[in-house]
Amino acid sequence: MRRSSRWCEVTTDGSNRLQIVCGAPNVRGGLMVAVATVGALLPGGITIKRAKLRGIESNGMLCSARELGLGQEQDGIMELAVGFALGIDVREALDLDDTALEVNARPTAATA
């Protein structure tokens, strides 16, 4: 099944506009979404590059939860709650910068 792509005009700062082509079925005007701009590095080592999709230049990507490494959902872009400040890093907005500490503990033999 072939999805139709939509040309989207996106702002990350309220004034400058980016042209991004998106094939997600839930893309529509007024959404607050995670945007990966040219040069962004996504989980899995994917670097976002400027590309031409169906003859239209795309300057980034509107991301699904799966593309961000936040879940398995990939049926559409991840919609964020209205109210986040424009331009804020999605890791900060969703409080994802936790510190992880991995501990390898080995049992010890009891001494009498």
Protein backbone atom coordinates (compact mmCIF):
# COMPACT_ATOMS: atom_id res chain seq x y z
CA MET A 1 0.00 0.00 0.00
CA ARG A 2 1.46 3.34 -1.04
CA ARG A 3 1.05 6.27 1.33
CA SER A 4 0.64 9.74 -0.03
CA SER A 5 3.20 12.27 1.08
CA ARG A 6 2.31 15.75 2.24
CA TRP A 7 4.34 18.89 1.98
CA CYS A 8 4.51 20.46 5.43
CA GLU A 9 5.66 23.89 6.52
CA VAL A 10 7.18 23.55 9.99
CA THR A 11 8.61 26.04 12.46
CA THR A 12 10.89 25.20 15.34
CA ASP A 13 11.22 28.76 16.59
CA GLY A 14 7.95 30.51 15.69
CA SER A 15 9.29 32.42 12.70
CA ASN A 16 11.68 30.49 10.45
CA ARG A 17 9.95 27.91 8.27
CA LEU A 18 11.23 24.50 7.14
CA GLN A 19 9.77 22.53 4.27
CA ILE A 20 9.43 18.87 5.26
CA VAL A 21 7.78 16.06 3.31
CA CYS A 22 5.87 13.63 5.54
CA GLY A 23 3.90 10.49 4.71
CA ALA A 24 2.38 9.94 8.16
CA PRO A 25 -1.39 9.49 8.07
CA ASN A 26 -1.95 11.74 11.11
CA VAL A 27 0.00 14.79 9.93
CA ARG A 28 -2.13 17.93 9.90
CA GLY A 29 -1.86 21.64 10.58
CA GLY A 30 -1.45 22.84 14.15
CA LEU A 31 0.23 19.74 15.57
CA MET A 32 3.07 19.95 18.09
CA VAL A 33 5.54 17.23 17.03
CA ALA A 34 9.16 16.18 17.36
CA VAL A 35 11.16 17.50 14.40
CA ALA A 36 14.57 16.13 13.45
CA THR A 37 16.35 18.82 11.44
CA VAL A 38 19.19 18.28 8.96
CA GLY A 39 22.20 16.93 10.85
CA ALA A 40 20.19 15.40 13.70
CA LEU A 41 21.33 11.94 14.83
CA LEU A 42 18.51 9.53 15.65
CA PRO A 43 18.71 6.21 17.52
CA GLY A 44 20.16 3.48 15.34
CA GLY A 45 22.77 5.83 13.88
CA ILE A 46 20.42 7.51 11.39
CA THR A 47 21.59 11.00 10.41
CA ILE A 48 18.95 13.30 8.93
CA LYS A 49 19.94 14.71 5.56
CA ARG A 50 18.33 17.11 3.11
CA ALA A 51 16.55 14.98 0.51
CA LYS A 52 14.20 15.19 -2.45
CA LEU A 53 11.05 13.12 -1.99
CA ARG A 54 8.73 12.88 -4.97
CA GLY A 55 10.41 15.92 -6.46
CA ILE A 56 10.03 18.10 -3.35
CA GLU A 57 12.95 19.13 -1.14
CA SER A 58 12.62 17.98 2.46
CA ASN A 59 14.70 19.61 5.18
CA GLY A 60 14.12 17.25 8.07
CA MET A 61 11.76 14.65 9.43
CA LEU A 62 8.65 14.61 11.60
CA CYS A 63 9.28 11.68 13.95
CA SER A 64 7.29 8.72 15.21
CA ALA A 65 7.87 7.29 18.70
CA ARG A 66 9.71 4.37 17.11
CA GLU A 67 12.07 6.63 15.16
CA LEU A 68 12.94 8.38 18.43
CA GLY A 69 13.54 5.08 20.24
CA LEU A 70 10.57 5.73 22.56
CA GLY A 71 8.32 2.82 21.64
CA GLN A 72 7.14 0.63 18.82
CA GLU A 73 4.41 2.94 17.47
CA GLN A 74 5.12 3.82 13.86
CA ASP A 75 1.67 4.35 12.35
CA GLY A 76 2.16 8.10 12.45
CA ILE A 77 4.16 10.93 13.88
CA MET A 78 4.26 11.26 17.65
CA GLU A 79 1.91 14.04 18.70
CA LEU A 80 3.09 16.10 21.66
CA ALA A 81 0.86 17.94 24.08
CA VAL A 82 0.23 21.56 23.20
CA GLY A 83 2.11 23.88 25.49
CA PHE A 84 5.73 22.85 24.99
CA ALA A 85 7.97 25.76 24.07
CA LEU A 86 9.02 25.81 20.42
CA GLY A 87 12.62 24.78 19.85
CA ILE A 88 12.99 22.84 23.08
CA ASP A 89 14.87 19.56 22.69
CA VAL A 90 12.41 16.65 22.78
CA ARG A 91 14.63 14.87 25.33
CA GLU A 92 14.23 17.83 27.69
CA ALA A 93 10.52 18.31 26.92
CA LEU A 94 9.72 14.67 27.72
CA ASP A 95 12.22 14.47 30.62
CA LEU A 96 14.22 11.68 28.96
CA ASP A 97 17.71 12.63 30.14
CA ASP A 98 17.78 10.24 33.08
CA THR A 99 21.03 8.89 34.40
CA ALA A 100 21.30 5.12 34.18
CA LEU A 101 23.60 3.20 36.44
CA GLU A 102 24.23 -0.44 35.60
CA VAL A 103 25.42 -2.58 38.47
CA ASN A 104 26.79 -6.08 38.15
CA ALA A 105 26.70 -7.67 41.56
CA ARG A 106 28.13 -11.11 42.18
CA PRO A 107 27.11 -13.16 45.16
CA THR A 108 29.87 -13.95 47.61
CA ALA A 109 30.23 -17.13 49.57
CA ALA A 110 29.14 -16.87 53.19
CA THR A 111 31.89 -17.29 55.74
CA ALA A 112 31.40 -19.08 58.99
